[in-house]
Protein backbone atom coordinates (compact mmCIF):
# COMPACT_ATOMS: atom_id res chain seq x y z
CA MET A 1 -12.93 -35.69 -6.90
CA ASN A 2 -13.71 -35.37 -3.23
CA ILE A 3 -17.01 -36.54 -1.76
CA ASP A 4 -18.42 -33.02 -1.44
CA ALA A 5 -17.64 -32.28 -5.08
CA VAL A 6 -19.13 -35.54 -6.31
CA SER A 7 -22.36 -34.82 -4.44
CA ARG A 8 -22.89 -31.69 -6.54
CA ILE A 9 -23.40 -33.79 -9.68
CA PRO A 10 -26.57 -35.92 -9.93
CA LEU A 11 -25.95 -39.58 -10.62
CA GLU A 12 -27.83 -39.38 -13.91
CA TRP A 13 -26.01 -36.25 -15.10
CA PRO A 14 -24.57 -36.65 -18.60
CA HIS A 15 -20.88 -37.59 -18.83
CA ARG A 16 -20.47 -37.55 -15.07
CA GLU A 17 -17.51 -39.90 -15.46
CA PHE A 18 -15.64 -37.15 -17.33
CA SER A 19 -16.20 -34.53 -14.62
CA ARG A 20 -13.40 -33.05 -12.59
CA PHE A 21 -13.07 -30.16 -10.16
CA VAL A 22 -10.27 -27.66 -10.67
CA SER A 23 -9.32 -24.90 -8.23
CA ALA A 24 -8.16 -21.81 -10.11
CA GLY A 25 -8.08 -18.29 -8.71
CA GLN A 26 -10.99 -17.98 -6.30
CA LEU A 27 -13.16 -20.52 -8.10
CA ASP A 28 -13.72 -24.24 -7.75
CA TRP A 29 -14.62 -25.11 -11.33
CA HIS A 30 -16.63 -28.09 -12.46
CA VAL A 31 -15.36 -28.99 -15.89
CA GLN A 32 -15.81 -31.98 -18.18
CA VAL A 33 -12.85 -33.07 -20.31
CA MET A 34 -13.19 -35.72 -23.02
CA GLY A 35 -11.18 -37.04 -25.96
CA ALA A 36 -7.71 -36.31 -27.36
CA GLY A 37 -6.37 -34.03 -30.04
CA PRO A 38 -6.77 -30.30 -30.80
CA VAL A 39 -8.56 -28.52 -27.97
CA VAL A 40 -12.12 -27.28 -28.44
CA LEU A 41 -13.39 -25.06 -25.62
CA LEU A 42 -17.19 -25.03 -25.19
CA LEU A 43 -18.88 -22.18 -23.30
CA HIS A 44 -22.57 -22.56 -22.43
CA GLY A 45 -25.15 -19.79 -22.18
CA THR A 46 -26.90 -18.09 -19.28
CA GLY A 47 -28.85 -20.43 -17.02
CA SER A 48 -27.28 -23.54 -18.51
CA SER A 49 -24.23 -25.67 -17.71
CA ALA A 50 -21.79 -28.03 -19.41
CA HIS A 51 -24.75 -30.39 -19.90
CA SER A 52 -25.84 -28.16 -22.80
CA TRP A 53 -23.06 -29.80 -24.85
CA ALA A 54 -23.89 -33.36 -23.76
CA ASP A 55 -24.68 -34.66 -27.24
CA VAL A 56 -22.04 -32.54 -29.00
CA MET A 57 -19.06 -33.57 -26.85
CA PRO A 58 -18.76 -37.28 -27.73
CA ARG A 59 -19.01 -36.49 -31.42
CA LEU A 60 -16.11 -34.03 -31.18
CA ALA A 61 -14.14 -36.20 -28.77
CA LYS A 62 -13.47 -38.74 -31.52
CA THR A 63 -10.78 -36.40 -32.88
CA CYS A 64 -10.48 -33.55 -30.35
CA THR A 65 -9.92 -32.77 -26.70
CA VAL A 66 -13.19 -31.22 -25.61
CA ILE A 67 -13.35 -28.95 -22.54
CA ALA A 68 -16.74 -27.85 -21.21
CA PRO A 69 -16.84 -25.96 -17.91
CA ASP A 70 -19.79 -24.88 -15.81
CA LEU A 71 -19.34 -21.11 -15.93
CA PRO A 72 -19.07 -19.18 -12.63
CA GLY A 73 -22.40 -19.03 -10.82
CA HIS A 74 -23.72 -21.97 -12.83
CA GLY A 75 -24.08 -25.68 -12.31
CA ALA A 76 -21.54 -27.19 -9.92
CA THR A 77 -18.88 -24.45 -10.14
CA ARG A 78 -18.48 -22.65 -6.82
CA GLY A 79 -16.81 -19.53 -5.43
CA ALA A 80 -18.30 -16.79 -7.61
CA THR A 81 -19.41 -13.49 -6.09
CA ARG A 82 -21.46 -10.71 -7.66
CA ALA A 83 -18.25 -8.77 -8.31
CA THR A 84 -16.79 -11.65 -10.32
CA LEU A 85 -19.91 -12.33 -12.41
CA THR A 86 -19.07 -9.82 -15.12
CA LEU A 87 -17.80 -10.91 -18.51
CA PRO A 88 -14.33 -9.31 -18.12
CA ARG A 89 -13.79 -11.02 -14.75
CA ILE A 90 -15.08 -14.37 -15.97
CA ALA A 91 -12.81 -14.10 -19.00
CA SER A 92 -9.83 -13.59 -16.69
CA GLU A 93 -10.88 -16.53 -14.51
CA LEU A 94 -11.21 -18.66 -17.64
CA ASP A 95 -7.55 -18.06 -18.43
CA LEU A 96 -6.64 -19.25 -14.93
CA LEU A 97 -8.69 -22.41 -15.46
CA LEU A 98 -6.98 -23.17 -18.77
CA ARG A 99 -3.59 -22.68 -17.14
CA GLU A 100 -4.48 -25.16 -14.41
CA LEU A 101 -5.59 -27.61 -17.09
CA GLY A 102 -2.29 -27.16 -18.91
CA ILE A 103 -3.92 -25.63 -22.00
CA THR A 104 -1.92 -22.92 -23.73
CA SER A 105 -4.20 -22.14 -26.68
CA PRO A 106 -7.40 -23.95 -27.65
CA ALA A 107 -7.74 -24.55 -31.37
CA VAL A 108 -11.35 -23.32 -31.39
CA VAL A 109 -13.55 -21.60 -28.83
CA VAL A 110 -17.29 -22.20 -29.17
CA GLY A 111 -19.93 -20.18 -27.32
CA HIS A 112 -23.69 -20.42 -27.17
CA SER A 113 -25.81 -17.33 -26.44
CA ALA A 114 -24.11 -15.41 -23.60
CA GLY A 115 -21.26 -17.91 -23.89
CA ALA A 116 -20.52 -16.42 -27.30
CA ALA A 117 -20.43 -12.92 -25.81
CA LEU A 118 -18.06 -14.27 -23.15
CA ALA A 119 -15.90 -15.84 -25.87
CA LEU A 120 -15.56 -12.45 -27.58
CA ARG A 121 -14.61 -10.76 -24.31
CA TRP A 122 -12.10 -13.53 -23.58
CA LEU A 123 -10.57 -13.22 -27.07
CA LEU A 124 -10.02 -9.51 -26.48
CA GLY A 125 -7.86 -10.06 -23.40
CA THR A 126 -6.28 -13.50 -23.55
CA ARG A 127 -2.80 -14.47 -24.63
CA ASN A 128 -4.19 -17.95 -25.34
CA ARG A 129 -5.95 -16.82 -28.49
CA PRO A 130 -7.32 -19.75 -30.52
CA ARG A 131 -7.31 -20.07 -34.29
CA ALA A 132 -11.06 -19.58 -34.70
CA MET A 133 -14.34 -18.91 -32.93
CA VAL A 134 -17.79 -20.38 -33.42
CA GLY A 135 -20.92 -18.81 -31.94
CA PHE A 136 -24.36 -20.40 -31.77
CA ASN A 137 -27.19 -17.86 -31.55
CA PRO A 138 -24.89 -15.32 -29.85
CA SER A 139 -26.55 -12.93 -27.40
CA LEU A 140 -25.24 -9.75 -28.99
CA ILE A 141 -28.50 -7.78 -28.96
CA PRO A 142 -30.65 -6.48 -26.08
CA PRO A 143 -32.99 -9.03 -24.48
CA PRO A 144 -36.41 -9.56 -26.08
CA ALA A 145 -39.72 -8.49 -24.58
CA LEU A 146 -40.25 -11.94 -23.10
CA TYR A 147 -37.03 -11.62 -21.12
CA MET A 148 -38.14 -8.26 -19.81
CA LYS A 149 -41.50 -9.70 -18.78
CA LEU A 150 -40.30 -12.89 -17.09
CA ILE A 151 -36.75 -12.24 -15.95
CA ALA A 152 -35.74 -8.60 -15.77
CA PRO A 153 -38.06 -7.63 -12.87
CA ILE A 154 -36.25 -10.08 -10.60
CA VAL A 155 -32.68 -9.19 -11.55
CA THR A 156 -32.14 -6.87 -8.61
CA PRO A 157 -29.97 -6.92 -5.49
CA VAL A 158 -33.01 -8.15 -3.57
CA ALA A 159 -33.82 -10.91 -6.05
CA THR A 160 -30.25 -12.19 -6.05
CA SER A 161 -30.16 -12.53 -2.27
CA PRO A 162 -29.86 -16.11 -0.98
CA ARG A 163 -33.37 -16.03 0.49
CA VAL A 164 -35.08 -14.95 -2.72
CA ALA A 165 -32.92 -17.25 -4.87
CA SER A 166 -34.01 -20.16 -2.68
CA ALA A 167 -37.65 -19.14 -3.08
CA LEU A 168 -37.26 -18.92 -6.85
CA ALA A 169 -35.57 -22.33 -6.96
CA SER A 170 -38.43 -23.82 -4.99
CA LEU A 171 -40.91 -22.15 -7.32
CA ALA A 172 -39.11 -23.46 -10.39
CA ALA A 173 -39.13 -27.00 -9.02
CA ARG A 174 -42.86 -26.95 -8.29
CA THR A 175 -44.27 -25.02 -11.24
CA PHE A 176 -44.05 -24.72 -15.02
CA LEU A 177 -41.64 -21.76 -14.85
CA VAL A 178 -38.69 -23.61 -16.40
CA ARG A 179 -40.89 -25.32 -18.96
CA ARG A 180 -42.26 -21.92 -19.98
CA LEU A 181 -38.79 -20.46 -20.35
CA LEU A 182 -37.67 -23.42 -22.44
CA ALA A 183 -40.75 -23.14 -24.62
CA SER A 184 -39.87 -19.51 -25.27
CA THR A 185 -36.61 -20.65 -26.92
CA ARG A 186 -38.70 -22.37 -29.64
CA SER A 187 -36.37 -25.35 -29.52
CA ALA A 188 -37.67 -28.90 -29.71
CA LEU A 189 -36.14 -30.55 -26.65
CA SER A 190 -36.70 -34.03 -25.27
CA GLU A 191 -38.17 -34.61 -21.83
CA ARG A 192 -34.73 -35.69 -20.63
CA GLN A 193 -33.23 -32.41 -21.82
CA ARG A 194 -36.00 -30.43 -20.15
CA ALA A 195 -35.54 -32.34 -16.90
CA ARG A 196 -31.89 -31.30 -16.73
CA TYR A 197 -32.84 -27.62 -16.80
CA THR A 198 -35.49 -28.19 -14.15
CA ALA A 199 -32.85 -29.84 -11.96
CA LEU A 200 -30.49 -26.89 -12.43
CA PHE A 201 -33.13 -24.32 -11.55
CA SER A 202 -34.06 -26.26 -8.44
CA ASN A 203 -30.63 -25.28 -7.09
CA PRO A 204 -30.64 -21.87 -5.34
CA ALA A 205 -26.93 -21.31 -6.08
CA HIS A 206 -27.55 -21.80 -9.78
CA VAL A 207 -30.57 -19.48 -9.76
CA ARG A 208 -28.67 -16.75 -7.95
CA GLY A 209 -25.64 -17.09 -10.22
CA THR A 210 -27.83 -16.98 -13.33
CA LEU A 211 -29.56 -13.79 -12.23
CA GLU A 212 -26.31 -12.06 -11.31
CA PHE A 213 -24.63 -13.17 -14.53
CA MET A 214 -27.46 -11.70 -16.62
CA ALA A 215 -27.24 -8.44 -14.69
CA GLY A 216 -23.50 -8.09 -15.38
CA ALA A 217 -23.33 -8.13 -19.18
CA ASP A 218 -22.34 -5.03 -21.21
CA LEU A 219 -23.02 -6.02 -24.81
CA GLN A 220 -22.31 -2.65 -26.40
CA ALA A 221 -18.83 -2.51 -24.92
CA ILE A 222 -18.10 -5.97 -26.29
CA LEU A 223 -19.31 -5.04 -29.77
CA ASP A 224 -17.30 -1.83 -29.75
CA ASP A 225 -14.11 -3.63 -28.73
CA ALA A 226 -14.67 -6.70 -30.93
CA ARG A 227 -14.07 -4.63 -34.06
CA THR A 228 -10.35 -5.12 -33.41
CA LEU A 229 -10.54 -8.93 -33.60
CA THR A 230 -9.19 -10.54 -36.75
CA ILE A 231 -9.48 -14.28 -36.10
CA PRO A 232 -11.98 -16.22 -38.26
CA MET A 233 -15.48 -16.25 -36.76
CA THR A 234 -18.50 -18.32 -37.71
CA PHE A 235 -21.91 -17.54 -36.24
CA VAL A 236 -24.98 -19.76 -36.51
CA VAL A 237 -28.28 -17.89 -36.50
CA ALA A 238 -31.40 -20.01 -36.05
CA SER A 239 -34.60 -19.15 -37.85
CA ARG A 240 -37.01 -19.73 -34.93
CA ASP A 241 -34.92 -18.12 -32.19
CA ALA A 242 -37.17 -15.77 -30.21
CA TRP A 243 -34.42 -14.84 -27.75
CA VAL A 244 -31.94 -13.66 -30.36
CA PRO A 245 -34.07 -12.93 -33.45
CA GLU A 246 -32.29 -13.80 -36.69
CA ARG A 247 -32.92 -10.56 -38.60
CA ARG A 248 -31.72 -8.28 -35.81
CA LEU A 249 -28.73 -10.47 -35.06
CA ARG A 250 -27.61 -10.49 -38.68
CA ARG A 251 -27.71 -6.67 -38.76
CA VAL A 252 -25.68 -6.36 -35.56
CA ILE A 253 -23.03 -8.85 -36.66
CA ALA A 254 -22.75 -7.28 -40.12
CA ARG A 255 -22.15 -3.88 -38.52
CA ALA A 256 -19.83 -4.89 -35.67
CA LEU A 257 -18.06 -7.96 -37.13
CA PRO A 258 -18.19 -7.53 -40.91
CA LEU A 259 -15.63 -10.27 -41.60
CA ALA A 260 -17.62 -12.93 -39.71
CA HIS A 261 -19.24 -15.80 -41.59
CA LEU A 262 -22.96 -16.23 -40.87
CA VAL A 263 -24.70 -19.57 -41.24
CA GLY A 264 -28.48 -19.89 -41.15
CA ARG A 265 -30.09 -22.97 -39.62
CA GLU A 266 -33.65 -24.12 -38.93
CA GLY A 267 -34.25 -24.26 -35.20
CA GLY A 268 -34.61 -22.35 -31.96
CA HIS A 269 -32.28 -20.72 -29.46
CA LEU A 270 -30.97 -24.09 -28.27
CA TRP A 271 -30.20 -25.26 -31.81
CA HIS A 272 -27.05 -27.14 -30.78
CA GLU A 273 -29.13 -29.23 -28.38
CA GLU A 274 -31.76 -29.89 -31.04
CA ALA A 275 -29.22 -30.80 -33.73
CA PRO A 276 -26.02 -31.94 -32.00
CA ALA A 277 -24.72 -33.88 -34.99
CA ALA A 278 -25.00 -30.82 -37.23
CA ALA A 279 -23.47 -28.60 -34.53
CA ALA A 280 -20.51 -30.95 -34.05
CA ALA A 281 -20.00 -31.22 -37.81
CA LEU A 282 -19.91 -27.44 -38.16
CA ILE A 283 -17.33 -27.11 -35.37
CA ARG A 284 -15.24 -29.90 -36.85
CA ASN A 285 -15.33 -28.27 -40.30
CA VAL A 286 -14.13 -24.96 -38.85
CA LEU A 287 -11.39 -26.74 -36.95
CA GLU A 288 -10.20 -28.69 -39.99
CA SER A 289 -10.17 -25.61 -42.19
CA GLU A 290 -8.02 -23.73 -39.71
CA LEU A 291 -5.58 -26.62 -39.16
CA ASP A 292 -5.01 -27.23 -42.86
């Protein structure tokens, strides 16, 4: 890694020693790669980064090669524009990243929240189709009222300008904005986990990318197209998730992806961060069942 790239990653950032920067297409990706064996691709949700998988990765890396990128507009990945922050474009860029990493087909793709929606869009267009997909609290329904109250009013061309993104990053660093958003997930996070999100939202580039990414999702188109997918899918739905309510999510998945396997768990929207051992075990079980 060059000096400029290294400076993007705080010294205390989890698994910093496994970070690398990969130029693919128009993006300079930050990606963490750990372990050896069948490839598991981990895609984080909106407003997060590869750090979301910090406690899941080493558990999987005992038997797998784990790849966790910062998605375009997030974390330390650079080069995204508003035009590229749509799920179809990110899916295409993801294929370029995998090619640069020398990955032909991951064994399993795992997505959390909007990362699960991205995984579905990627599956629809890639030639590198994996054997199975796992989704944690997938964002496959319209945003809840809390989203509309706190976030939607600022997802505009004005709000995503560099000046306003900088102002929002400054506000997030000095107020309880991030803490309030995390509380709304109804997940029990440690202070260390909360501090990582505060650090991310203190970065204007991350704030701007997050806002533009949220503005570029077309969930209905994904659900309509996903009916053609036949690979095994497992979705975890958490009982306390206020962002993707369990009852509504179950109805949507049953209608759009009737062959998918649904697993209920106790927890909030960031269940995989609350229960990393259980999350890793579920992924490993899916992987083993598909490799048998």
